[in-house]
Amino acid sequence: MTLMRKTRDLGAFDDAVMVFGGPYGNLQATLALWKQAEELGVPPDRIICTGDVAAYCAEPQEVVAAIRDWGVQVLMGNCEESLAEDAADCGCGFAAGSQCAVLSEDWYSYCRQALSAESRAWMGTLPRRIQFRLGPWRAAVIHGGAERLNRFIFASTPLATKQDEMAHCNADLVIAGHCGIPFTQAINGVVWHNPGVIGMPANDGAPDVWWALLRVDRGGRLRIRHQRLSYDYRLAQERMRRSGLDNGYASALASGLWPSMDVLPPAERAQQGAPLSFPAELMYQARDACDSADCTNQIV
């Protein structure tokens, strides 16, 4: 769909980085994460959103305003691209006629009307790729795929596909979004990390949403913590229904179950309703500190 033409280099970080995806117009989740960041002492310049600020939920304009006021780094997702161009659809990559595509007509039309022209213009200025260094780790942040904004990459996506994407990133750490379900994998010396999204549950049967905290220890090892976020999902749901978005996504905020699984591979479909869990902390050795690329493995 779109080649990555615009990259923002954030330079080097020497402390924890917060990453999250898909606020999706969910103001209550966005404000809850903002509060969490302040409690942890993570400043906005070390917080990165992987895109799709506006989508399923009721307050896209309010979320854009909150995100800009917060001052975090934001990557362009397919929703930002489509809304900035006033495209006819969300550009999510849904198959024509699929339930996801049908549902998107409702929420995408709502976003087009709810967002100001100035907010859509801001979306058009966002970078299509973000890069930074965290200790010895060279990180590239992408939305879907490295060369295609709306490519779905899941945990079960074949390793060869991920390796092909990694080859375009020139990084030791690839941080991606778009698919909506968090996971982390080490593949031939490169870590692929998806922090999940905060605007919609992860289809795991719980209303909580997901984000992640990344840091490097004195040994140069990358430490990743997948984190649940509890927030006032009932208020987010009420705002959706009051705004005429009384649909499967409104129900999903409470049930934690997506209204459609069209985009999911068989493995992720089979996991619907199964609670997600991760080790308290994943740890990876940097390639620079190893004798071979194979050393980038989970070691705790």
Protein backbone atom coordinates (compact mmCIF):
# COMPACT_ATOMS: atom_id res chain seq x y z
CA MET A 1 0.00 0.00 0.00
CA THR A 2 2.44 2.65 1.16
CA LEU A 3 6.19 2.74 1.05
CA MET A 4 7.89 4.17 4.11
CA ARG A 5 9.06 7.57 2.95
CA LYS A 6 9.30 9.54 6.18
CA THR A 7 11.42 8.55 9.20
CA ARG A 8 11.82 10.38 12.51
CA ASP A 9 15.06 9.71 14.42
CA LEU A 10 14.63 10.20 18.18
CA GLY A 11 18.31 9.74 18.95
CA ALA A 12 19.58 7.72 21.93
CA PHE A 13 17.72 6.93 25.15
CA ASP A 14 19.41 5.86 28.37
CA ASP A 15 16.28 5.09 30.39
CA ALA A 16 12.98 3.23 30.11
CA VAL A 17 10.81 3.65 27.01
CA MET A 18 7.04 3.18 27.07
CA VAL A 19 5.39 1.85 23.91
CA PHE A 20 1.74 1.34 23.06
CA GLY A 21 -0.52 1.11 20.05
CA GLY A 22 -4.05 1.87 18.92
CA PRO A 23 -5.79 4.35 21.22
CA TYR A 24 -8.70 3.96 18.75
CA GLY A 25 -10.57 7.01 20.08
CA ASN A 26 -10.77 5.48 23.56
CA LEU A 27 -10.30 8.54 25.77
CA GLN A 28 -10.64 6.71 29.08
CA ALA A 29 -7.85 4.23 28.24
CA THR A 30 -5.63 7.03 26.91
CA LEU A 31 -6.00 9.07 30.08
CA ALA A 32 -5.39 6.00 32.23
CA LEU A 33 -2.12 5.28 30.44
CA TRP A 34 -1.09 8.93 30.71
CA LYS A 35 -1.60 8.70 34.47
CA GLN A 36 0.38 5.45 34.54
CA ALA A 37 3.28 7.09 32.71
CA GLU A 38 3.34 9.98 35.18
CA GLU A 39 3.33 7.57 38.13
CA LEU A 40 6.28 5.72 36.59
CA GLY A 41 8.11 8.93 35.80
CA VAL A 42 8.39 8.24 32.06
CA PRO A 43 8.49 11.61 30.23
CA PRO A 44 6.60 12.11 26.94
CA ASP A 45 9.77 12.15 24.83
CA ARG A 46 10.36 8.51 25.80
CA ILE A 47 6.82 7.36 25.04
CA ILE A 48 5.92 6.07 21.57
CA CYS A 49 2.52 5.27 20.07
CA THR A 50 2.57 2.89 17.10
CA GLY A 51 -0.40 4.59 15.42
CA ASP A 52 -4.19 4.36 14.89
CA VAL A 53 -5.08 7.11 17.34
CA ALA A 54 -8.63 7.23 15.96
CA ALA A 55 -10.73 4.17 15.14
CA TYR A 56 -13.49 2.16 16.83
CA CYS A 57 -14.38 4.23 19.90
CA ALA A 58 -16.42 7.37 20.49
CA GLU A 59 -13.94 10.17 21.11
CA PRO A 60 -11.37 10.41 18.32
CA GLN A 61 -11.13 14.20 18.45
CA GLU A 62 -10.70 14.20 22.22
CA VAL A 63 -8.02 11.50 22.00
CA VAL A 64 -6.09 13.40 19.34
CA ALA A 65 -6.19 16.48 21.59
CA ALA A 66 -5.07 14.44 24.63
CA ILE A 67 -2.23 12.73 22.75
CA ARG A 68 -0.96 16.06 21.41
CA ASP A 69 -1.27 17.71 24.81
CA TRP A 70 0.59 14.78 26.38
CA GLY A 71 3.38 15.30 23.85
CA VAL A 72 4.28 11.67 23.12
CA GLN A 73 5.80 10.47 19.86
CA VAL A 74 3.20 9.18 17.39
CA LEU A 75 3.70 7.03 14.31
CA MET A 76 1.35 7.21 11.35
CA GLY A 77 -0.99 4.23 11.21
CA ASN A 78 -3.25 3.33 8.34
CA CYS A 79 -6.12 5.19 10.06
CA GLU A 80 -4.10 8.41 10.22
CA GLU A 81 -3.09 8.00 6.60
CA SER A 82 -6.69 7.45 5.44
CA LEU A 83 -8.18 10.19 7.59
CA ALA A 84 -5.52 12.70 6.55
CA GLU A 85 -6.26 11.96 2.91
CA ASP A 86 -10.03 11.80 3.54
CA ALA A 87 -9.96 8.39 1.87
CA ALA A 88 -13.12 6.40 1.36
CA ASP A 89 -12.13 3.66 3.81
CA CYS A 90 -9.86 3.07 6.79
CA GLY A 91 -7.12 1.34 4.81
CA CYS A 92 -6.98 -1.41 7.42
CA GLY A 93 -6.47 -4.11 4.82
CA PHE A 94 -9.77 -5.86 5.53
CA ALA A 95 -10.97 -8.23 2.81
CA ALA A 96 -13.85 -6.81 0.78
CA GLY A 97 -17.19 -8.00 2.12
CA SER A 98 -15.70 -9.31 5.36
CA GLN A 99 -17.39 -8.54 8.65
CA CYS A 100 -14.46 -6.31 9.65
CA ALA A 101 -14.90 -4.32 6.44
CA VAL A 102 -18.64 -3.94 7.01
CA LEU A 103 -18.14 -2.83 10.62
CA SER A 104 -15.43 -0.38 9.59
CA GLU A 105 -17.87 1.55 7.41
CA ASP A 106 -19.68 2.65 10.57
CA TRP A 107 -16.76 3.66 12.78
CA TYR A 108 -14.64 5.12 9.99
CA SER A 109 -17.50 7.31 8.82
CA TYR A 110 -17.97 8.45 12.42
CA CYS A 111 -14.27 9.38 12.71
CA ARG A 112 -14.34 11.34 9.47
CA GLN A 113 -17.15 13.47 10.83
CA ALA A 114 -15.85 13.78 14.40
CA LEU A 115 -12.30 14.89 13.61
CA SER A 116 -11.51 18.49 12.83
CA ALA A 117 -9.72 19.43 9.63
CA GLU A 118 -6.78 20.57 11.76
CA SER A 119 -6.54 17.17 13.48
CA ARG A 120 -6.60 15.35 10.15
CA ALA A 121 -3.91 17.69 8.84
CA TRP A 122 -1.78 16.83 11.91
CA MET A 123 -2.21 13.16 11.11
CA GLY A 124 -0.75 13.81 7.68
CA THR A 125 2.46 15.17 9.23
CA LEU A 126 3.24 12.04 11.24
CA PRO A 127 6.29 9.91 10.41
CA ARG A 128 5.86 6.51 8.78
CA ARG A 129 8.78 5.13 10.72
CA ILE A 130 10.47 6.05 14.01
CA GLN A 131 13.95 4.97 14.97
CA PHE A 132 15.99 5.34 18.16
CA ARG A 133 18.78 3.71 20.12
CA LEU A 134 18.35 2.12 23.52
CA GLY A 135 21.81 1.25 24.78
CA PRO A 136 23.33 -1.03 22.13
CA TRP A 137 19.93 -1.71 20.57
CA ARG A 138 18.95 -0.06 17.30
CA ALA A 139 15.16 0.15 17.29
CA ALA A 140 12.79 0.67 14.38
CA VAL A 141 9.12 1.42 15.03
CA ILE A 142 6.69 0.49 12.28
CA HIS A 143 2.89 0.28 12.16
CA GLY A 144 2.18 -2.94 10.28
CA GLY A 145 4.93 -4.08 7.94
CA ALA A 146 8.21 -2.40 7.14
CA GLU A 147 7.13 -1.47 3.63
CA ARG A 148 3.36 -1.77 3.88
CA LEU A 149 1.54 0.22 6.53
CA ASN A 150 -1.45 -2.11 6.86
CA ARG A 151 0.24 -5.51 6.87
CA PHE A 152 -0.93 -7.77 9.69
CA ILE A 153 1.94 -9.49 11.53
CA PHE A 154 0.85 -11.83 14.33
CA ALA A 155 2.75 -14.13 16.66
CA SER A 156 1.83 -17.04 14.40
CA THR A 157 2.88 -15.27 11.20
CA PRO A 158 5.61 -17.42 9.61
CA LEU A 159 9.14 -16.57 10.71
CA ALA A 160 10.19 -16.18 7.09
CA THR A 161 7.68 -13.36 6.71
CA LYS A 162 9.00 -11.60 9.80
CA GLN A 163 12.58 -12.08 8.64
CA ASP A 164 11.68 -10.50 5.33
CA GLU A 165 10.19 -7.52 7.16
CA MET A 166 13.21 -7.27 9.45
CA ALA A 167 15.53 -7.14 6.46
CA HIS A 168 13.98 -3.77 5.58
CA CYS A 169 14.39 -2.30 9.07
CA ASN A 170 18.17 -2.30 9.71
CA ALA A 171 17.49 -2.77 13.42
CA ASP A 172 18.06 -5.14 16.33
CA LEU A 173 14.61 -4.39 17.72
CA VAL A 174 11.47 -4.01 15.61
CA ILE A 175 8.47 -2.50 17.41
CA ALA A 176 5.24 -2.95 15.48
CA GLY A 177 1.51 -2.38 15.92
CA HIS A 178 -1.64 -2.86 13.83
CA CYS A 179 -2.53 -6.47 14.72
CA GLY A 180 -3.97 -5.62 18.18
CA ILE A 181 -2.54 -8.57 20.11
CA PRO A 182 0.75 -8.23 22.05
CA PHE A 183 3.65 -10.61 21.59
CA THR A 184 7.47 -10.68 21.56
CA GLN A 185 9.73 -13.02 19.61
CA ALA A 186 13.49 -13.27 19.04
CA ILE A 187 14.30 -14.34 15.49
CA ASN A 188 17.88 -14.85 14.34
CA GLY A 189 19.30 -12.11 16.49
CA VAL A 190 16.50 -9.59 16.09
CA VAL A 191 13.65 -9.02 18.56
CA TRP A 192 10.16 -8.44 17.13
CA HIS A 193 7.96 -6.74 19.71
CA ASN A 194 4.31 -5.77 19.57
CA PRO A 195 3.11 -3.99 22.74
CA GLY A 196 -0.57 -4.41 21.88
CA VAL A 197 -3.18 -1.63 21.84
CA ILE A 198 -4.93 0.42 24.51
CA GLY A 199 -8.15 1.16 22.62
CA MET A 200 -9.59 -2.35 22.49
CA PRO A 201 -9.00 -5.55 24.51
CA ALA A 202 -6.75 -8.24 23.06
CA ASN A 203 -9.57 -10.72 22.32
CA ASP A 204 -8.57 -12.62 25.45
CA GLY A 205 -11.85 -12.41 27.32
CA ALA A 206 -10.85 -9.55 29.63
CA PRO A 207 -11.55 -5.80 29.35
CA ASP A 208 -7.94 -4.87 30.15
CA VAL A 209 -5.74 -3.47 27.39
CA TRP A 210 -1.96 -3.75 26.84
CA TRP A 211 1.19 -1.66 26.62
CA ALA A 212 4.89 -2.30 27.33
CA LEU A 213 7.93 -0.90 29.09
CA LEU A 214 11.38 -1.38 27.55
CA ARG A 215 14.72 -0.74 29.19
CA VAL A 216 18.35 -1.82 28.94
CA ASP A 217 20.35 -2.96 31.95
CA ARG A 218 24.02 -2.29 32.68
CA GLY A 219 24.98 -5.39 30.71
CA GLY A 220 23.26 -4.05 27.60
CA ARG A 221 20.48 -6.60 27.87
CA LEU A 222 17.05 -5.57 26.62
CA ARG A 223 14.31 -6.06 29.21
CA ILE A 224 10.68 -5.99 28.11
CA ARG A 225 7.64 -5.96 30.35
CA HIS A 226 4.23 -6.57 28.79
CA GLN A 227 1.73 -4.70 30.97
CA ARG A 228 -2.02 -4.87 31.41
CA LEU A 229 -3.93 -1.62 31.83
CA SER A 230 -7.22 -1.49 33.70
CA TYR A 231 -9.36 1.56 33.05
CA ASP A 232 -12.98 2.73 33.11
CA TYR A 233 -14.17 0.64 30.14
CA ARG A 234 -17.80 1.05 31.22
CA LEU A 235 -17.60 4.80 30.64
CA ALA A 236 -15.90 4.24 27.25
CA GLN A 237 -18.69 1.82 26.35
CA GLU A 238 -21.37 4.27 27.48
CA ARG A 239 -19.81 7.03 25.36
CA MET A 240 -19.86 4.74 22.32
CA ARG A 241 -23.51 3.82 22.72
CA ARG A 242 -24.52 7.39 23.41
CA SER A 243 -22.73 8.39 20.19
CA GLY A 244 -24.61 5.84 18.12
CA LEU A 245 -21.77 3.31 18.05
CA ASP A 246 -23.81 0.59 19.76
CA ASN A 247 -22.07 -2.23 17.95
CA GLY A 248 -19.87 -5.28 18.52
CA TYR A 249 -16.87 -3.16 19.41
CA ALA A 250 -18.82 -1.46 22.21
CA SER A 251 -19.65 -4.90 23.58
CA ALA A 252 -16.02 -5.98 23.18
CA LEU A 253 -14.84 -3.27 25.59
CA ALA A 254 -16.52 -5.24 28.39
CA SER A 255 -16.39 -8.82 27.13
CA GLY A 256 -12.83 -8.67 25.83
CA LEU A 257 -13.96 -10.57 22.73
CA TRP A 258 -13.70 -9.13 19.25
CA PRO A 259 -16.91 -9.03 17.18
CA SER A 260 -15.08 -10.40 14.16
CA MET A 261 -11.99 -12.53 13.67
CA ASP A 262 -11.69 -12.14 9.90
CA VAL A 263 -8.11 -10.91 10.10
CA LEU A 264 -6.86 -13.53 12.54
CA PRO A 265 -4.81 -16.57 11.51
CA PRO A 266 -6.08 -19.95 12.81
CA ALA A 267 -3.74 -19.95 15.84
CA GLU A 268 -4.97 -16.56 17.08
CA ARG A 269 -8.61 -17.53 16.39
CA ALA A 270 -8.18 -20.60 18.55
CA GLN A 271 -6.92 -18.40 21.38
CA GLN A 272 -10.03 -16.23 21.56
CA GLY A 273 -11.11 -15.91 25.20
CA ALA A 274 -7.91 -17.48 26.55
CA PRO A 275 -6.27 -15.10 29.07
CA LEU A 276 -3.00 -13.64 27.84
CA SER A 277 -0.01 -13.91 30.12
CA PHE A 278 3.69 -13.12 29.86
CA PRO A 279 6.69 -13.63 32.15
CA ALA A 280 7.19 -10.71 34.51
CA GLU A 281 10.11 -9.63 32.33
CA LEU A 282 11.58 -10.86 29.06
CA MET A 283 15.33 -10.39 28.69
CA TYR A 284 17.48 -10.51 25.57
CA GLN A 285 21.21 -10.25 25.04
CA ALA A 286 22.35 -7.72 22.45
CA ARG A 287 24.07 -9.09 19.38
CA ASP A 288 27.09 -6.85 19.99
CA ALA A 289 27.79 -8.70 23.22
CA CYS A 290 27.56 -12.17 21.66
CA ASP A 291 29.72 -14.43 19.59
CA SER A 292 26.86 -15.24 17.23
CA ALA A 293 23.45 -13.89 16.26
CA ASP A 294 21.83 -16.88 17.93
CA CYS A 295 22.45 -15.42 21.38
CA THR A 296 19.47 -13.08 21.15
CA ASN A 297 17.17 -15.39 23.01
CA GLN A 298 14.92 -15.08 25.97
CA ILE A 299 17.12 -15.87 28.93
CA VAL A 300 14.75 -15.38 31.86
